[in-house]
């Protein structure tokens, strides 16, 4: 899919983003995105830990 893209394509794409969003908002947006991904990863990790732990203190109905 990305085989036809060359280096200058990415430069033009970066320039379009700078023009659309402004140079001052891009670092803030990148920080916000990174923070969101960090939270998402930690929530996924917490979900996996909860699945692996068996319920303690409850007996199955006989």
Protein backbone atom coordinates (compact mmCIF):
# COMPACT_ATOMS: atom_id res chain seq x y z
CA UNK A 1 0.00 0.00 0.00
CA UNK A 2 2.79 2.44 0.82
CA UNK A 3 5.15 1.23 -1.88
CA UNK A 4 4.38 4.14 -4.19
CA UNK A 5 5.10 6.76 -1.55
CA UNK A 6 8.52 8.34 -1.57
CA UNK A 7 10.28 10.70 0.80
CA UNK A 8 9.00 13.86 -0.82
CA UNK A 9 5.42 12.66 -0.42
CA UNK A 10 5.89 12.62 3.35
CA UNK A 11 7.44 16.10 3.26
CA UNK A 12 4.42 17.46 1.40
CA UNK A 13 2.10 15.70 3.85
CA UNK A 14 3.97 17.24 6.80
CA UNK A 15 3.71 20.70 5.23
CA UNK A 16 -0.03 20.27 4.75
CA UNK A 17 -0.41 19.37 8.44
CA UNK A 18 1.62 22.40 9.48
CA UNK A 19 -0.49 24.69 7.32
CA UNK A 20 -3.77 23.17 8.52
CA UNK A 21 -3.06 22.98 12.24
CA UNK A 22 -0.30 25.52 12.76
CA UNK A 23 3.19 24.88 14.04
CA UNK A 24 2.25 25.70 17.65
CA UNK A 25 -0.57 23.17 17.94
CA UNK A 26 1.29 20.18 16.48
CA UNK A 27 3.53 19.48 19.52
CA UNK A 28 0.54 19.80 21.85
CA UNK A 29 -1.44 17.41 19.68
CA UNK A 30 1.43 14.93 19.62
CA UNK A 31 1.72 15.05 23.43
CA UNK A 32 -2.00 14.56 23.80
CA UNK A 33 -1.97 11.59 21.43
CA UNK A 34 0.99 10.01 23.25
CA UNK A 35 -0.73 10.47 26.62
CA UNK A 36 -3.90 8.87 25.28
CA UNK A 37 -1.98 5.88 23.92
CA UNK A 38 -0.19 5.46 27.26
CA UNK A 39 -3.52 5.41 29.12
CA UNK A 40 -4.99 2.98 26.57
CA UNK A 41 -2.05 0.59 26.97
CA UNK A 42 -2.26 0.68 30.75
CA UNK A 43 -6.00 -0.04 30.64
CA UNK A 44 -5.39 -3.01 28.34
CA UNK A 45 -2.74 -4.32 30.72
CA UNK A 46 -5.10 -3.93 33.69
CA UNK A 47 -7.83 -5.79 31.82
CA UNK A 48 -5.51 -8.70 31.08
CA UNK A 49 -4.41 -8.93 34.71
CA UNK A 50 -8.02 -9.00 35.90
CA UNK A 51 -8.86 -11.80 33.46
CA UNK A 52 -5.93 -13.93 34.61
CA UNK A 53 -6.69 -13.66 38.35
CA UNK A 54 -9.26 -16.22 39.53
CA UNK A 55 -12.06 -14.96 41.74
CA UNK A 56 -11.03 -15.58 45.32
CA UNK A 57 -13.51 -16.18 48.11
CA UNK A 58 -16.36 -17.39 45.94
CA UNK A 59 -17.40 -20.97 45.67
CA UNK A 60 -19.00 -22.35 42.55
CA UNK A 61 -22.58 -23.47 43.00
CA UNK A 62 -22.88 -27.23 43.46
